[in-house]
């Protein structure tokens, strides 16, 4: 799974949330190299 594909998937996930607080927390989770980011990569694979 390329970084470009991951970026699109993260953007799709964030688009489902309207709360600024929730969005801020999610943006902190989905950072390249982060555990959640790599788990998302694995699920996409």
ModelCIF file with pLDDT and N, C-alpha, C, O atoms, coordinates in Angstrom:
data_MODEL
#
_entry.id   MODEL 
#
_entity.id                         1 
_entity.type                       polymer 
_entity.pdbx_number_of_molecules   1 
#
_entity_poly.entity_id                      1 
_entity_poly.type                           'polypeptide(L)' 
_entity_poly.nstd_linkage                   no 
_entity_poly.nstd_monomer                   no 
_entity_poly.pdbx_seq_one_letter_code       
;(UNK)(UNK)(UNK)(UNK)(UNK)(UNK)(UNK)(UNK)(UNK)(UNK)(UNK)(UNK)(UNK)(UNK)(UNK)(UNK)
(UNK)(UNK)(UNK)(UNK)(UNK)(UNK)(UNK)(UNK)(UNK)(UNK)(UNK)(UNK)(UNK)(UNK)(UNK)(UNK)
(UNK)(UNK)(UNK)(UNK)(UNK)(UNK)(UNK)(UNK)(UNK)(UNK)(UNK)(UNK)(UNK)
;
_entity_poly.pdbx_seq_one_letter_code_can   XXXXXXXXXXXXXXXXXXXXXXXXXXXXXXXXXXXXXXXXXXXXX 
_entity_poly.pdbx_strand_id                 A 
#
loop_
_entity_poly_seq.entity_id 
_entity_poly_seq.num 
_entity_poly_seq.mon_id 
_entity_poly_seq.hetero 
1 1  UNK n 
1 2  UNK n 
1 3  UNK n 
1 4  UNK n 
1 5  UNK n 
1 6  UNK n 
1 7  UNK n 
1 8  UNK n 
1 9  UNK n 
1 10 UNK n 
1 11 UNK n 
1 12 UNK n 
1 13 UNK n 
1 14 UNK n 
1 15 UNK n 
1 16 UNK n 
1 17 UNK n 
1 18 UNK n 
1 19 UNK n 
1 20 UNK n 
1 21 UNK n 
1 22 UNK n 
1 23 UNK n 
1 24 UNK n 
1 25 UNK n 
1 26 UNK n 
1 27 UNK n 
1 28 UNK n 
1 29 UNK n 
1 30 UNK n 
1 31 UNK n 
1 32 UNK n 
1 33 UNK n 
1 34 UNK n 
1 35 UNK n 
1 36 UNK n 
1 37 UNK n 
1 38 UNK n 
1 39 UNK n 
1 40 UNK n 
1 41 UNK n 
1 42 UNK n 
1 43 UNK n 
1 44 UNK n 
1 45 UNK n 
#
_struct_asym.id          A 
_struct_asym.entity_id   1 
#
loop_
_ma_qa_metric.id 
_ma_qa_metric.mode 
_ma_qa_metric.name 
_ma_qa_metric.software_group_id 
_ma_qa_metric.type 
1 global pLDDT . pLDDT 
2 local  pLDDT . pLDDT 
#
_ma_qa_metric_global.metric_id      1 
_ma_qa_metric_global.metric_value   83.89 
_ma_qa_metric_global.model_id       1 
_ma_qa_metric_global.ordinal_id     1 
#
loop_
_ma_qa_metric_local.label_asym_id 
_ma_qa_metric_local.label_comp_id 
_ma_qa_metric_local.label_seq_id 
_ma_qa_metric_local.metric_id 
_ma_qa_metric_local.metric_value 
_ma_qa_metric_local.model_id 
_ma_qa_metric_local.ordinal_id 
A UNK 1  2 90.00 1 1  
A UNK 2  2 89.00 1 2  
A UNK 3  2 87.00 1 3  
A UNK 4  2 91.00 1 4  
A UNK 5  2 91.00 1 5  
A UNK 6  2 89.00 1 6  
A UNK 7  2 88.00 1 7  
A UNK 8  2 90.00 1 8  
A UNK 9  2 89.00 1 9  
A UNK 10 2 86.00 1 10 
A UNK 11 2 86.00 1 11 
A UNK 12 2 84.00 1 12 
A UNK 13 2 82.00 1 13 
A UNK 14 2 82.00 1 14 
A UNK 15 2 79.00 1 15 
A UNK 16 2 74.00 1 16 
A UNK 17 2 74.00 1 17 
A UNK 18 2 64.00 1 18 
A UNK 19 2 69.00 1 19 
A UNK 20 2 75.00 1 20 
A UNK 21 2 78.00 1 21 
A UNK 22 2 77.00 1 22 
A UNK 23 2 79.00 1 23 
A UNK 24 2 82.00 1 24 
A UNK 25 2 82.00 1 25 
A UNK 26 2 80.00 1 26 
A UNK 27 2 81.00 1 27 
A UNK 28 2 81.00 1 28 
A UNK 29 2 81.00 1 29 
A UNK 30 2 84.00 1 30 
A UNK 31 2 82.00 1 31 
A UNK 32 2 83.00 1 32 
A UNK 33 2 79.00 1 33 
A UNK 34 2 83.00 1 34 
A UNK 35 2 87.00 1 35 
A UNK 36 2 87.00 1 36 
A UNK 37 2 87.00 1 37 
A UNK 38 2 88.00 1 38 
A UNK 39 2 90.00 1 39 
A UNK 40 2 91.00 1 40 
A UNK 41 2 90.00 1 41 
A UNK 42 2 90.00 1 42 
A UNK 43 2 90.00 1 43 
A UNK 44 2 92.00 1 44 
A UNK 45 2 92.00 1 45 
#
loop_
_atom_site.group_PDB 
_atom_site.id 
_atom_site.type_symbol 
_atom_site.label_atom_id 
_atom_site.label_alt_id 
_atom_site.label_comp_id 
_atom_site.label_asym_id 
_atom_site.label_entity_id 
_atom_site.label_seq_id 
_atom_site.pdbx_PDB_ins_code 
_atom_site.Cartn_x 
_atom_site.Cartn_y 
_atom_site.Cartn_z 
_atom_site.occupancy 
_atom_site.B_iso_or_equiv 
_atom_site.pdbx_formal_charge 
_atom_site.auth_seq_id 
_atom_site.auth_comp_id 
_atom_site.auth_asym_id 
_atom_site.auth_atom_id 
_atom_site.pdbx_PDB_model_num 
ATOM 1   N N  . UNK A 1 1  ? 0.866   -1.179 0.000  1.00 90.00 ? 1  UNK A N  1 
ATOM 2   C CA . UNK A 1 1  ? 0.000   0.000  0.000  1.00 90.00 ? 1  UNK A CA 1 
ATOM 3   C C  . UNK A 1 1  ? 0.898   1.223  0.000  1.00 90.00 ? 1  UNK A C  1 
ATOM 4   O O  . UNK A 1 1  ? 1.726   1.386  0.896  1.00 90.00 ? 1  UNK A O  1 
ATOM 5   N N  . UNK A 1 2  ? 0.743   2.086  -0.999 1.00 89.00 ? 2  UNK A N  1 
ATOM 6   C CA . UNK A 1 2  ? 1.606   3.265  -1.113 1.00 89.00 ? 2  UNK A CA 1 
ATOM 7   C C  . UNK A 1 2  ? 1.199   4.340  -0.116 1.00 89.00 ? 2  UNK A C  1 
ATOM 8   O O  . UNK A 1 2  ? 0.078   4.332  0.394  1.00 89.00 ? 2  UNK A O  1 
ATOM 9   N N  . UNK A 1 3  ? 2.106   5.258  0.156  1.00 87.00 ? 3  UNK A N  1 
ATOM 10  C CA . UNK A 1 3  ? 1.804   6.378  1.051  1.00 87.00 ? 3  UNK A CA 1 
ATOM 11  C C  . UNK A 1 3  ? 0.675   7.235  0.486  1.00 87.00 ? 3  UNK A C  1 
ATOM 12  O O  . UNK A 1 3  ? -0.126  7.798  1.232  1.00 87.00 ? 3  UNK A O  1 
ATOM 13  N N  . UNK A 1 4  ? 0.624   7.325  -0.838 1.00 91.00 ? 4  UNK A N  1 
ATOM 14  C CA . UNK A 1 4  ? -0.438  8.111  -1.484 1.00 91.00 ? 4  UNK A CA 1 
ATOM 15  C C  . UNK A 1 4  ? -1.804  7.479  -1.215 1.00 91.00 ? 4  UNK A C  1 
ATOM 16  O O  . UNK A 1 4  ? -2.770  8.181  -0.915 1.00 91.00 ? 4  UNK A O  1 
ATOM 17  N N  . UNK A 1 5  ? -1.880  6.157  -1.324 1.00 91.00 ? 5  UNK A N  1 
ATOM 18  C CA . UNK A 1 5  ? -3.138  5.448  -1.046 1.00 91.00 ? 5  UNK A CA 1 
ATOM 19  C C  . UNK A 1 5  ? -3.532  5.607  0.418  1.00 91.00 ? 5  UNK A C  1 
ATOM 20  O O  . UNK A 1 5  ? -4.707  5.776  0.744  1.00 91.00 ? 5  UNK A O  1 
ATOM 21  N N  . UNK A 1 6  ? -2.535  5.549  1.288  1.00 89.00 ? 6  UNK A N  1 
ATOM 22  C CA . UNK A 1 6  ? -2.796  5.725  2.719  1.00 89.00 ? 6  UNK A CA 1 
ATOM 23  C C  . UNK A 1 6  ? -3.320  7.127  3.020  1.00 89.00 ? 6  UNK A C  1 
ATOM 24  O O  . UNK A 1 6  ? -4.240  7.299  3.820  1.00 89.00 ? 6  UNK A O  1 
ATOM 25  N N  . UNK A 1 7  ? -2.730  8.112  2.379  1.00 88.00 ? 7  UNK A N  1 
ATOM 26  C CA . UNK A 1 7  ? -3.138  9.499  2.591  1.00 88.00 ? 7  UNK A CA 1 
ATOM 27  C C  . UNK A 1 7  ? -4.600  9.686  2.202  1.00 88.00 ? 7  UNK A C  1 
ATOM 28  O O  . UNK A 1 7  ? -5.353  10.349 2.917  1.00 88.00 ? 7  UNK A O  1 
ATOM 29  N N  . UNK A 1 8  ? -5.003  9.113  1.083  1.00 90.00 ? 8  UNK A N  1 
ATOM 30  C CA . UNK A 1 8  ? -6.396  9.207  0.622  1.00 90.00 ? 8  UNK A CA 1 
ATOM 31  C C  . UNK A 1 8  ? -7.329  8.526  1.623  1.00 90.00 ? 8  UNK A C  1 
ATOM 32  O O  . UNK A 1 8  ? -8.401  9.045  1.934  1.00 90.00 ? 8  UNK A O  1 
ATOM 33  N N  . UNK A 1 9  ? -6.913  7.360  2.127  1.00 89.00 ? 9  UNK A N  1 
ATOM 34  C CA . UNK A 1 9  ? -7.740  6.628  3.088  1.00 89.00 ? 9  UNK A CA 1 
ATOM 35  C C  . UNK A 1 9  ? -7.903  7.415  4.384  1.00 89.00 ? 9  UNK A C  1 
ATOM 36  O O  . UNK A 1 9  ? -8.996  7.474  4.946  1.00 89.00 ? 9  UNK A O  1 
ATOM 37  N N  . UNK A 1 10 ? -6.819  8.017  4.854  1.00 86.00 ? 10 UNK A N  1 
ATOM 38  C CA . UNK A 1 10 ? -6.891  8.836  6.078  1.00 86.00 ? 10 UNK A CA 1 
ATOM 39  C C  . UNK A 1 10 ? -7.839  10.011 5.870  1.00 86.00 ? 10 UNK A C  1 
ATOM 40  O O  . UNK A 1 10 ? -8.632  10.340 6.752  1.00 86.00 ? 10 UNK A O  1 
ATOM 41  N N  . UNK A 1 11 ? -7.755  10.637 4.708  1.00 86.00 ? 11 UNK A N  1 
ATOM 42  C CA . UNK A 1 11 ? -8.644  11.771 4.405  1.00 86.00 ? 11 UNK A CA 1 
ATOM 43  C C  . UNK A 1 11 ? -10.103 11.323 4.386  1.00 86.00 ? 11 UNK A C  1 
ATOM 44  O O  . UNK A 1 11 ? -10.980 12.058 4.841  1.00 86.00 ? 11 UNK A O  1 
ATOM 45  N N  . UNK A 1 12 ? -10.369 10.131 3.866  1.00 84.00 ? 12 UNK A N  1 
ATOM 46  C CA . UNK A 1 12 ? -11.731 9.594  3.860  1.00 84.00 ? 12 UNK A CA 1 
ATOM 47  C C  . UNK A 1 12 ? -12.238 9.337  5.274  1.00 84.00 ? 12 UNK A C  1 
ATOM 48  O O  . UNK A 1 12 ? -13.405 9.578  5.583  1.00 84.00 ? 12 UNK A O  1 
ATOM 49  N N  . UNK A 1 13 ? -11.336 8.840  6.131  1.00 82.00 ? 13 UNK A N  1 
ATOM 50  C CA . UNK A 1 13 ? -11.717 8.588  7.529  1.00 82.00 ? 13 UNK A CA 1 
ATOM 51  C C  . UNK A 1 13 ? -12.037 9.903  8.232  1.00 82.00 ? 13 UNK A C  1 
ATOM 52  O O  . UNK A 1 13 ? -13.044 10.006 8.933  1.00 82.00 ? 13 UNK A O  1 
ATOM 53  N N  . UNK A 1 14 ? -11.188 10.900 8.045  1.00 82.00 ? 14 UNK A N  1 
ATOM 54  C CA . UNK A 1 14 ? -11.375 12.197 8.710  1.00 82.00 ? 14 UNK A CA 1 
ATOM 55  C C  . UNK A 1 14 ? -12.641 12.898 8.223  1.00 82.00 ? 14 UNK A C  1 
ATOM 56  O O  . UNK A 1 14 ? -13.261 13.655 8.970  1.00 82.00 ? 14 UNK A O  1 
ATOM 57  N N  . UNK A 1 15 ? -13.025 12.647 6.967  1.00 79.00 ? 15 UNK A N  1 
ATOM 58  C CA . UNK A 1 15 ? -14.209 13.307 6.397  1.00 79.00 ? 15 UNK A CA 1 
ATOM 59  C C  . UNK A 1 15 ? -15.493 12.879 7.083  1.00 79.00 ? 15 UNK A C  1 
ATOM 60  O O  . UNK A 1 15 ? -16.522 13.539 6.935  1.00 79.00 ? 15 UNK A O  1 
ATOM 61  N N  . UNK A 1 16 ? -15.448 11.774 7.838  1.00 74.00 ? 16 UNK A N  1 
ATOM 62  C CA . UNK A 1 16 ? -16.651 11.283 8.519  1.00 74.00 ? 16 UNK A CA 1 
ATOM 63  C C  . UNK A 1 16 ? -16.904 11.966 9.857  1.00 74.00 ? 16 UNK A C  1 
ATOM 64  O O  . UNK A 1 16 ? -17.917 11.706 10.507 1.00 74.00 ? 16 UNK A O  1 
ATOM 65  N N  . UNK A 1 17 ? -15.986 12.842 10.272 1.00 74.00 ? 17 UNK A N  1 
ATOM 66  C CA . UNK A 1 17 ? -16.107 13.470 11.588 1.00 74.00 ? 17 UNK A CA 1 
ATOM 67  C C  . UNK A 1 17 ? -16.184 14.987 11.459 1.00 74.00 ? 17 UNK A C  1 
ATOM 68  O O  . UNK A 1 17 ? -15.415 15.604 10.722 1.00 74.00 ? 17 UNK A O  1 
ATOM 69  N N  . UNK A 1 18 ? -17.128 15.573 12.191 1.00 64.00 ? 18 UNK A N  1 
ATOM 70  C CA . UNK A 1 18 ? -17.307 17.020 12.154 1.00 64.00 ? 18 UNK A CA 1 
ATOM 71  C C  . UNK A 1 18 ? -16.718 17.725 13.358 1.00 64.00 ? 18 UNK A C  1 
ATOM 72  O O  . UNK A 1 18 ? -16.413 18.916 13.295 1.00 64.00 ? 18 UNK A O  1 
ATOM 73  N N  . UNK A 1 19 ? -16.557 17.003 14.455 1.00 69.00 ? 19 UNK A N  1 
ATOM 74  C CA . UNK A 1 19 ? -16.034 17.595 15.679 1.00 69.00 ? 19 UNK A CA 1 
ATOM 75  C C  . UNK A 1 19 ? -14.559 17.946 15.527 1.00 69.00 ? 19 UNK A C  1 
ATOM 76  O O  . UNK A 1 19 ? -13.756 17.103 15.127 1.00 69.00 ? 19 UNK A O  1 
ATOM 77  N N  . UNK A 1 20 ? -14.202 19.192 15.847 1.00 75.00 ? 20 UNK A N  1 
ATOM 78  C CA . UNK A 1 20 ? -12.804 19.627 15.742 1.00 75.00 ? 20 UNK A CA 1 
ATOM 79  C C  . UNK A 1 20 ? -11.905 18.875 16.711 1.00 75.00 ? 20 UNK A C  1 
ATOM 80  O O  . UNK A 1 20 ? -10.761 18.554 16.390 1.00 75.00 ? 20 UNK A O  1 
ATOM 81  N N  . UNK A 1 21 ? -12.439 18.595 17.911 1.00 78.00 ? 21 UNK A N  1 
ATOM 82  C CA . UNK A 1 21 ? -11.639 17.874 18.908 1.00 78.00 ? 21 UNK A CA 1 
ATOM 83  C C  . UNK A 1 21 ? -11.325 16.460 18.437 1.00 78.00 ? 21 UNK A C  1 
ATOM 84  O O  . UNK A 1 21 ? -10.194 15.988 18.552 1.00 78.00 ? 21 UNK A O  1 
ATOM 85  N N  . UNK A 1 22 ? -12.359 15.784 17.896 1.00 77.00 ? 22 UNK A N  1 
ATOM 86  C CA . UNK A 1 22 ? -12.171 14.419 17.402 1.00 77.00 ? 22 UNK A CA 1 
ATOM 87  C C  . UNK A 1 22 ? -11.188 14.413 16.235 1.00 77.00 ? 22 UNK A C  1 
ATOM 88  O O  . UNK A 1 22 ? -10.310 13.554 16.159 1.00 77.00 ? 22 UNK A O  1 
ATOM 89  N N  . UNK A 1 23 ? -11.339 15.376 15.326 1.00 79.00 ? 23 UNK A N  1 
ATOM 90  C CA . UNK A 1 23 ? -10.446 15.468 14.176 1.00 79.00 ? 23 UNK A CA 1 
ATOM 91  C C  . UNK A 1 23 ? -8.994  15.678 14.610 1.00 79.00 ? 23 UNK A C  1 
ATOM 92  O O  . UNK A 1 23 ? -8.069  15.091 14.048 1.00 79.00 ? 23 UNK A O  1 
ATOM 93  N N  . UNK A 1 24 ? -8.819  16.526 15.621 1.00 82.00 ? 24 UNK A N  1 
ATOM 94  C CA . UNK A 1 24 ? -7.463  16.799 16.109 1.00 82.00 ? 24 UNK A CA 1 
ATOM 95  C C  . UNK A 1 24 ? -6.821  15.530 16.675 1.00 82.00 ? 24 UNK A C  1 
ATOM 96  O O  . UNK A 1 24 ? -5.641  15.266 16.445 1.00 82.00 ? 24 UNK A O  1 
ATOM 97  N N  . UNK A 1 25 ? -7.612  14.749 17.418 1.00 82.00 ? 25 UNK A N  1 
ATOM 98  C CA . UNK A 1 25 ? -7.083  13.508 18.011 1.00 82.00 ? 25 UNK A CA 1 
ATOM 99  C C  . UNK A 1 25 ? -6.750  12.485 16.924 1.00 82.00 ? 25 UNK A C  1 
ATOM 100 O O  . UNK A 1 25 ? -5.729  11.801 16.986 1.00 82.00 ? 25 UNK A O  1 
ATOM 101 N N  . UNK A 1 26 ? -7.640  12.398 15.922 1.00 80.00 ? 26 UNK A N  1 
ATOM 102 C CA . UNK A 1 26 ? -7.410  11.434 14.839 1.00 80.00 ? 26 UNK A CA 1 
ATOM 103 C C  . UNK A 1 26 ? -6.172  11.794 14.020 1.00 80.00 ? 26 UNK A C  1 
ATOM 104 O O  . UNK A 1 26 ? -5.417  10.916 13.602 1.00 80.00 ? 26 UNK A O  1 
ATOM 105 N N  . UNK A 1 27 ? -5.973  13.093 13.795 1.00 81.00 ? 27 UNK A N  1 
ATOM 106 C CA . UNK A 1 27 ? -4.799  13.530 13.031 1.00 81.00 ? 27 UNK A CA 1 
ATOM 107 C C  . UNK A 1 27 ? -3.506  13.174 13.754 1.00 81.00 ? 27 UNK A C  1 
ATOM 108 O O  . UNK A 1 27 ? -2.483  12.908 13.123 1.00 81.00 ? 27 UNK A O  1 
ATOM 109 N N  . UNK A 1 28 ? -3.563  13.172 15.080 1.00 81.00 ? 28 UNK A N  1 
ATOM 110 C CA . UNK A 1 28 ? -2.387  12.791 15.868 1.00 81.00 ? 28 UNK A CA 1 
ATOM 111 C C  . UNK A 1 28 ? -2.128  11.283 15.767 1.00 81.00 ? 28 UNK A C  1 
ATOM 112 O O  . UNK A 1 28 ? -0.983  10.836 15.835 1.00 81.00 ? 28 UNK A O  1 
ATOM 113 N N  . UNK A 1 29 ? -3.212  10.503 15.603 1.00 81.00 ? 29 UNK A N  1 
ATOM 114 C CA . UNK A 1 29 ? -3.071  9.051  15.530 1.00 81.00 ? 29 UNK A CA 1 
ATOM 115 C C  . UNK A 1 29 ? -2.514  8.597  14.183 1.00 81.00 ? 29 UNK A C  1 
ATOM 116 O O  . UNK A 1 29 ? -1.627  7.746  14.115 1.00 81.00 ? 29 UNK A O  1 
ATOM 117 N N  . UNK A 1 30 ? -3.057  9.184  13.108 1.00 84.00 ? 30 UNK A N  1 
ATOM 118 C CA . UNK A 1 30 ? -2.674  8.742  11.767 1.00 84.00 ? 30 UNK A CA 1 
ATOM 119 C C  . UNK A 1 30 ? -1.496  9.554  11.225 1.00 84.00 ? 30 UNK A C  1 
ATOM 120 O O  . UNK A 1 30 ? -1.638  10.359 10.304 1.00 84.00 ? 30 UNK A O  1 
ATOM 121 N N  . UNK A 1 31 ? -0.336  9.318  11.825 1.00 82.00 ? 31 UNK A N  1 
ATOM 122 C CA . UNK A 1 31 ? 0.906   9.962  11.415 1.00 82.00 ? 31 UNK A CA 1 
ATOM 123 C C  . UNK A 1 31 ? 1.843   8.870  10.907 1.00 82.00 ? 31 UNK A C  1 
ATOM 124 O O  . UNK A 1 31 ? 1.968   7.829  11.552 1.00 82.00 ? 31 UNK A O  1 
ATOM 125 N N  . UNK A 1 32 ? 2.512   9.082  9.753  1.00 83.00 ? 32 UNK A N  1 
ATOM 126 C CA . UNK A 1 32 ? 3.428   8.067  9.222  1.00 83.00 ? 32 UNK A CA 1 
ATOM 127 C C  . UNK A 1 32 ? 4.393   7.540  10.279 1.00 83.00 ? 32 UNK A C  1 
ATOM 128 O O  . UNK A 1 32 ? 5.035   8.303  11.001 1.00 83.00 ? 32 UNK A O  1 
ATOM 129 N N  . UNK A 1 33 ? 4.475   6.208  10.348 1.00 79.00 ? 33 UNK A N  1 
ATOM 130 C CA . UNK A 1 33 ? 5.343   5.560  11.334 1.00 79.00 ? 33 UNK A CA 1 
ATOM 131 C C  . UNK A 1 33 ? 4.647   5.243  12.631 1.00 79.00 ? 33 UNK A C  1 
ATOM 132 O O  . UNK A 1 33 ? 5.118   4.419  13.414 1.00 79.00 ? 33 UNK A O  1 
ATOM 133 N N  . UNK A 1 34 ? 3.504   5.907  12.865 1.00 83.00 ? 34 UNK A N  1 
ATOM 134 C CA . UNK A 1 34 ? 2.732   5.670  14.079 1.00 83.00 ? 34 UNK A CA 1 
ATOM 135 C C  . UNK A 1 34 ? 2.083   4.275  14.028 1.00 83.00 ? 34 UNK A C  1 
ATOM 136 O O  . UNK A 1 34 ? 1.816   3.743  12.951 1.00 83.00 ? 34 UNK A O  1 
ATOM 137 N N  . UNK A 1 35 ? 1.840   3.703  15.196 1.00 87.00 ? 35 UNK A N  1 
ATOM 138 C CA . UNK A 1 35 ? 1.234   2.365  15.293 1.00 87.00 ? 35 UNK A CA 1 
ATOM 139 C C  . UNK A 1 35 ? -0.081  2.294  14.536 1.00 87.00 ? 35 UNK A C  1 
ATOM 140 O O  . UNK A 1 35 ? -0.301  1.354  13.771 1.00 87.00 ? 35 UNK A O  1 
ATOM 141 N N  . UNK A 1 36 ? -0.962  3.276  14.736 1.00 87.00 ? 36 UNK A N  1 
ATOM 142 C CA . UNK A 1 36 ? -2.279  3.253  14.098 1.00 87.00 ? 36 UNK A CA 1 
ATOM 143 C C  . UNK A 1 36 ? -2.157  3.417  12.583 1.00 87.00 ? 36 UNK A C  1 
ATOM 144 O O  . UNK A 1 36 ? -2.919  2.822  11.821 1.00 87.00 ? 36 UNK A O  1 
ATOM 145 N N  . UNK A 1 37 ? -1.206  4.218  12.166 1.00 87.00 ? 37 UNK A N  1 
ATOM 146 C CA . UNK A 1 37 ? -0.965  4.444  10.737 1.00 87.00 ? 37 UNK A CA 1 
ATOM 147 C C  . UNK A 1 37 ? -0.523  3.138  10.066 1.00 87.00 ? 37 UNK A C  1 
ATOM 148 O O  . UNK A 1 37 ? -0.996  2.800  8.981  1.00 87.00 ? 37 UNK A O  1 
ATOM 149 N N  . UNK A 1 38 ? 0.379   2.414  10.717 1.00 88.00 ? 38 UNK A N  1 
ATOM 150 C CA . UNK A 1 38 ? 0.879   1.169  10.144 1.00 88.00 ? 38 UNK A CA 1 
ATOM 151 C C  . UNK A 1 38 ? -0.173  0.067  10.202 1.00 88.00 ? 38 UNK A C  1 
ATOM 152 O O  . UNK A 1 38 ? -0.230  -0.784 9.315  1.00 88.00 ? 38 UNK A O  1 
ATOM 153 N N  . UNK A 1 39 ? -1.016  0.079  11.253 1.00 90.00 ? 39 UNK A N  1 
ATOM 154 C CA . UNK A 1 39 ? -2.113  -0.886 11.326 1.00 90.00 ? 39 UNK A CA 1 
ATOM 155 C C  . UNK A 1 39 ? -3.104  -0.646 10.194 1.00 90.00 ? 39 UNK A C  1 
ATOM 156 O O  . UNK A 1 39 ? -3.632  -1.592 9.610  1.00 90.00 ? 39 UNK A O  1 
ATOM 157 N N  . UNK A 1 40 ? -3.355  0.635  9.884  1.00 91.00 ? 40 UNK A N  1 
ATOM 158 C CA . UNK A 1 40 ? -4.239  0.981  8.772  1.00 91.00 ? 40 UNK A CA 1 
ATOM 159 C C  . UNK A 1 40 ? -3.635  0.492  7.455  1.00 91.00 ? 40 UNK A C  1 
ATOM 160 O O  . UNK A 1 40 ? -4.348  -0.019 6.592  1.00 91.00 ? 40 UNK A O  1 
ATOM 161 N N  . UNK A 1 41 ? -2.320  0.652  7.307  1.00 90.00 ? 41 UNK A N  1 
ATOM 162 C CA . UNK A 1 41 ? -1.637  0.172  6.103  1.00 90.00 ? 41 UNK A CA 1 
ATOM 163 C C  . UNK A 1 41 ? -1.836  -1.337 5.944  1.00 90.00 ? 41 UNK A C  1 
ATOM 164 O O  . UNK A 1 41 ? -2.083  -1.830 4.843  1.00 90.00 ? 41 UNK A O  1 
ATOM 165 N N  . UNK A 1 42 ? -1.723  -2.065 7.068  1.00 90.00 ? 42 UNK A N  1 
ATOM 166 C CA . UNK A 1 42 ? -1.869  -3.518 7.027  1.00 90.00 ? 42 UNK A CA 1 
ATOM 167 C C  . UNK A 1 42 ? -3.299  -3.915 6.651  1.00 90.00 ? 42 UNK A C  1 
ATOM 168 O O  . UNK A 1 42 ? -3.505  -4.828 5.850  1.00 90.00 ? 42 UNK A O  1 
ATOM 169 N N  . UNK A 1 43 ? -4.293  -3.217 7.239  1.00 90.00 ? 43 UNK A N  1 
ATOM 170 C CA . UNK A 1 43 ? -5.693  -3.517 6.909  1.00 90.00 ? 43 UNK A CA 1 
ATOM 171 C C  . UNK A 1 43 ? -5.965  -3.262 5.432  1.00 90.00 ? 43 UNK A C  1 
ATOM 172 O O  . UNK A 1 43 ? -6.664  -4.034 4.775  1.00 90.00 ? 43 UNK A O  1 
ATOM 173 N N  . UNK A 1 44 ? -5.405  -2.170 4.919  1.00 92.00 ? 44 UNK A N  1 
ATOM 174 C CA . UNK A 1 44 ? -5.592  -1.852 3.502  1.00 92.00 ? 44 UNK A CA 1 
ATOM 175 C C  . UNK A 1 44 ? -4.927  -2.894 2.604  1.00 92.00 ? 44 UNK A C  1 
ATOM 176 O O  . UNK A 1 44 ? -5.438  -3.221 1.532  1.00 92.00 ? 44 UNK A O  1 
ATOM 177 N N  . UNK A 1 45 ? -3.786  -3.410 3.051  1.00 92.00 ? 45 UNK A N  1 
ATOM 178 C CA . UNK A 1 45 ? -3.093  -4.443 2.273  1.00 92.00 ? 45 UNK A CA 1 
ATOM 179 C C  . UNK A 1 45 ? -3.953  -5.702 2.172  1.00 92.00 ? 45 UNK A C  1 
ATOM 180 O O  . UNK A 1 45 ? -3.541  -6.683 1.555  1.00 92.00 ? 45 UNK A O  1 
#
